[in-house]
Amino acid sequence: MQTAYIGFGSNLGDSLSMLEAVKKEINASKGFVLKRTSPIYRTQPIDVPDQQDDYINAVFEIETSLEPEDILKQLAVIEDRHGRTRGKIRNSARTLDLDLLLVGNHSVQSEILTLPHPRIHQRAFVLFPLYDLSPDLLVPGQGRVKKLLEKVRDQEVQRL
């Protein structure tokens, strides 16, 4: 078993209800055991192509026996079940976005997956929830969460 972290984001529909539904689905997924969920944050969209509502963000900590690419496939199934569409426009509004952030100490670079998540160190909406769960967590190749967070404290996040 290894620890993995999954980022949750939603800014279409009832995002808080979506968070609760996804939490149950992750815990019920084969090969996943939900250990903890971070506090919830509200954040403004970053690098978006249009006017959008704020995001609801959190991070799930799971234990899993699955390989990183298999975890990613299961997360895609959950996203699809909740109406996630993947269009040609990057960073468009979405009902659900599940990002595989970290899996143990794995560093992966494949056609479908990069671990750790390539923008983890730039995103306060990921680092604040990760800090809540594990401030001393080491992000392979980037450093500890508490140090990475110092560089993005200027980004607006609101803990709910």
Protein backbone atom coordinates (compact mmCIF):
# COMPACT_ATOMS: atom_id res chain seq x y z
CA MET A 1 0.00 0.00 0.00
CA GLN A 2 1.13 3.53 -0.72
CA THR A 3 -0.23 6.99 -0.03
CA ALA A 4 -1.58 9.06 -2.90
CA TYR A 5 -3.01 12.58 -3.02
CA ILE A 6 -5.85 13.60 -5.34
CA GLY A 7 -6.81 17.21 -6.00
CA PHE A 8 -10.52 18.04 -6.25
CA GLY A 9 -11.89 21.04 -8.11
CA SER A 10 -15.36 22.08 -9.22
CA ASN A 11 -16.96 25.35 -10.32
CA LEU A 12 -20.16 24.27 -12.09
CA GLY A 13 -23.29 23.17 -10.29
CA ASP A 14 -23.42 22.32 -6.60
CA SER A 15 -19.69 21.89 -5.96
CA LEU A 16 -20.04 21.12 -2.24
CA SER A 17 -22.47 18.28 -2.94
CA MET A 18 -20.15 17.09 -5.69
CA LEU A 19 -17.29 16.95 -3.19
CA GLU A 20 -19.32 14.77 -0.83
CA ALA A 21 -20.43 12.44 -3.64
CA VAL A 22 -16.90 12.06 -4.98
CA LYS A 23 -15.53 11.41 -1.49
CA LYS A 24 -17.93 8.45 -1.17
CA GLU A 25 -17.06 7.16 -4.64
CA ILE A 26 -13.33 7.32 -4.03
CA ASN A 27 -13.73 5.41 -0.78
CA ALA A 28 -15.84 2.78 -2.56
CA SER A 29 -13.47 2.41 -5.54
CA LYS A 30 -11.58 -0.85 -5.84
CA GLY A 31 -8.02 -0.41 -4.64
CA PHE A 32 -8.68 2.90 -2.83
CA VAL A 33 -9.08 3.57 0.88
CA LEU A 34 -9.91 7.18 1.69
CA LYS A 35 -7.83 8.22 4.70
CA ARG A 36 -8.48 11.95 5.02
CA THR A 37 -9.94 14.94 3.22
CA SER A 38 -8.43 18.39 3.59
CA PRO A 39 -10.43 21.43 4.57
CA ILE A 40 -12.32 23.02 1.68
CA TYR A 41 -11.11 26.16 -0.07
CA ARG A 42 -12.73 28.66 -2.41
CA THR A 43 -10.38 30.03 -5.08
CA GLN A 44 -10.57 32.23 -8.11
CA PRO A 45 -9.99 30.55 -11.48
CA ILE A 46 -6.42 30.78 -12.81
CA ASP A 47 -5.44 31.13 -16.49
CA VAL A 48 -9.01 30.74 -17.73
CA PRO A 49 -10.28 31.62 -21.21
CA ASP A 50 -13.57 33.18 -20.05
CA GLN A 51 -15.50 34.53 -17.06
CA GLN A 52 -16.03 31.73 -14.52
CA ASP A 53 -17.35 31.17 -11.02
CA ASP A 54 -14.92 30.49 -8.19
CA TYR A 55 -13.70 26.96 -7.62
CA ILE A 56 -14.23 24.72 -4.63
CA ASN A 57 -10.97 22.87 -3.97
CA ALA A 58 -9.81 20.14 -1.59
CA VAL A 59 -7.35 17.26 -1.51
CA PHE A 60 -8.08 13.61 -0.75
CA GLU A 61 -5.44 11.41 0.87
CA ILE A 62 -5.87 7.77 -0.04
CA GLU A 63 -4.08 4.49 0.51
CA THR A 64 -3.85 2.36 -2.59
CA SER A 65 -2.25 -0.76 -3.98
CA LEU A 66 -2.74 0.44 -7.56
CA GLU A 67 -0.10 1.71 -9.94
CA PRO A 68 -0.27 5.45 -10.75
CA GLU A 69 -1.68 5.00 -14.28
CA ASP A 70 -4.43 2.70 -12.94
CA ILE A 71 -5.33 5.32 -10.32
CA LEU A 72 -5.57 7.94 -13.08
CA LYS A 73 -7.91 5.70 -15.10
CA GLN A 74 -10.24 5.23 -12.12
CA LEU A 75 -10.31 8.98 -11.52
CA ALA A 76 -11.27 9.55 -15.17
CA VAL A 77 -14.20 7.14 -14.77
CA ILE A 78 -15.43 9.08 -11.72
CA GLU A 79 -15.09 12.39 -13.62
CA ASP A 80 -17.02 10.99 -16.59
CA ARG A 81 -19.78 9.70 -14.33
CA HIS A 82 -20.25 13.26 -13.05
CA GLY A 83 -20.45 14.94 -16.44
CA ARG A 84 -16.85 16.03 -16.91
CA THR A 85 -16.30 17.06 -20.50
CA ARG A 86 -12.90 17.51 -22.05
CA GLY A 87 -13.05 20.06 -24.81
CA LYS A 88 -10.43 21.75 -26.88
CA ILE A 89 -10.42 24.81 -24.62
CA ARG A 90 -7.98 24.39 -21.75
CA ASN A 91 -9.04 25.45 -18.22
CA SER A 92 -12.71 25.76 -19.04
CA ALA A 93 -15.29 25.59 -16.24
CA ARG A 94 -16.08 22.09 -15.06
CA THR A 95 -18.38 20.07 -12.86
CA LEU A 96 -15.45 18.01 -11.63
CA ASP A 97 -11.69 17.94 -11.97
CA LEU A 98 -9.68 15.23 -10.22
CA ASP A 99 -5.91 15.60 -10.47
CA LEU A 100 -3.53 12.88 -9.39
CA LEU A 101 -0.98 14.95 -7.49
CA LEU A 102 1.37 12.47 -5.85
CA VAL A 103 1.69 8.71 -5.46
CA GLY A 104 4.25 7.70 -2.85
CA ASN A 105 7.65 8.84 -4.02
CA HIS A 106 6.92 8.03 -7.67
CA SER A 107 8.26 10.24 -10.41
CA VAL A 108 6.49 9.40 -13.67
CA GLN A 109 6.72 10.93 -17.13
CA SER A 110 4.50 9.14 -19.66
CA GLU A 111 2.11 10.06 -22.44
CA ILE A 112 -0.84 10.07 -20.05
CA LEU A 113 0.68 10.98 -16.68
CA THR A 114 3.28 13.21 -15.07
CA LEU A 115 4.04 12.75 -11.37
CA PRO A 116 4.30 14.71 -9.29
CA HIS A 117 1.66 16.87 -10.94
CA PRO A 118 3.63 19.34 -13.09
CA ARG A 119 2.07 22.52 -11.66
CA ILE A 120 1.74 21.47 -8.02
CA HIS A 121 4.41 23.96 -6.92
CA GLN A 122 2.60 26.90 -8.60
CA ARG A 123 -0.88 26.38 -7.21
CA ALA A 124 -1.96 27.65 -3.80
CA PHE A 125 -5.30 25.87 -4.26
CA VAL A 126 -3.34 22.59 -4.14
CA LEU A 127 -0.62 23.50 -1.66
CA PHE A 128 -2.88 24.89 1.08
CA PRO A 129 -4.97 21.68 1.29
CA LEU A 130 -1.81 19.53 1.06
CA TYR A 131 -0.28 21.57 3.87
CA ASP A 132 -3.36 20.93 6.01
CA LEU A 133 -2.92 17.20 5.51
CA SER A 134 0.86 16.91 5.63
CA PRO A 135 3.01 20.08 5.92
CA ASP A 136 6.28 18.12 5.79
CA LEU A 137 5.26 16.07 2.75
CA LEU A 138 8.08 15.86 0.22
CA VAL A 139 7.15 16.55 -3.39
CA PRO A 140 9.79 14.63 -5.35
CA GLY A 141 12.14 16.95 -7.21
CA GLN A 142 10.50 20.10 -5.78
CA GLY A 143 10.79 20.14 -1.99
CA ARG A 144 8.55 20.05 1.06
CA VAL A 145 5.00 21.38 0.88
CA LYS A 146 5.58 23.97 3.62
CA LYS A 147 8.49 25.49 1.65
CA LEU A 148 6.60 25.42 -1.67
CA LEU A 149 3.64 27.14 -0.02
CA GLU A 150 5.81 30.14 0.92
CA LYS A 151 6.20 30.96 -2.79
CA VAL A 152 2.45 31.09 -3.55
CA ARG A 153 1.05 32.80 -0.46
CA ASP A 154 0.17 35.82 -2.60
CA GLN A 155 -2.51 33.80 -4.43
CA GLU A 156 -5.97 34.32 -2.99
CA VAL A 157 -7.54 31.34 -1.30
CA GLN A 158 -10.38 31.31 1.21
CA ARG A 159 -10.75 28.45 3.63
CA LEU A 160 -14.42 27.58 4.09
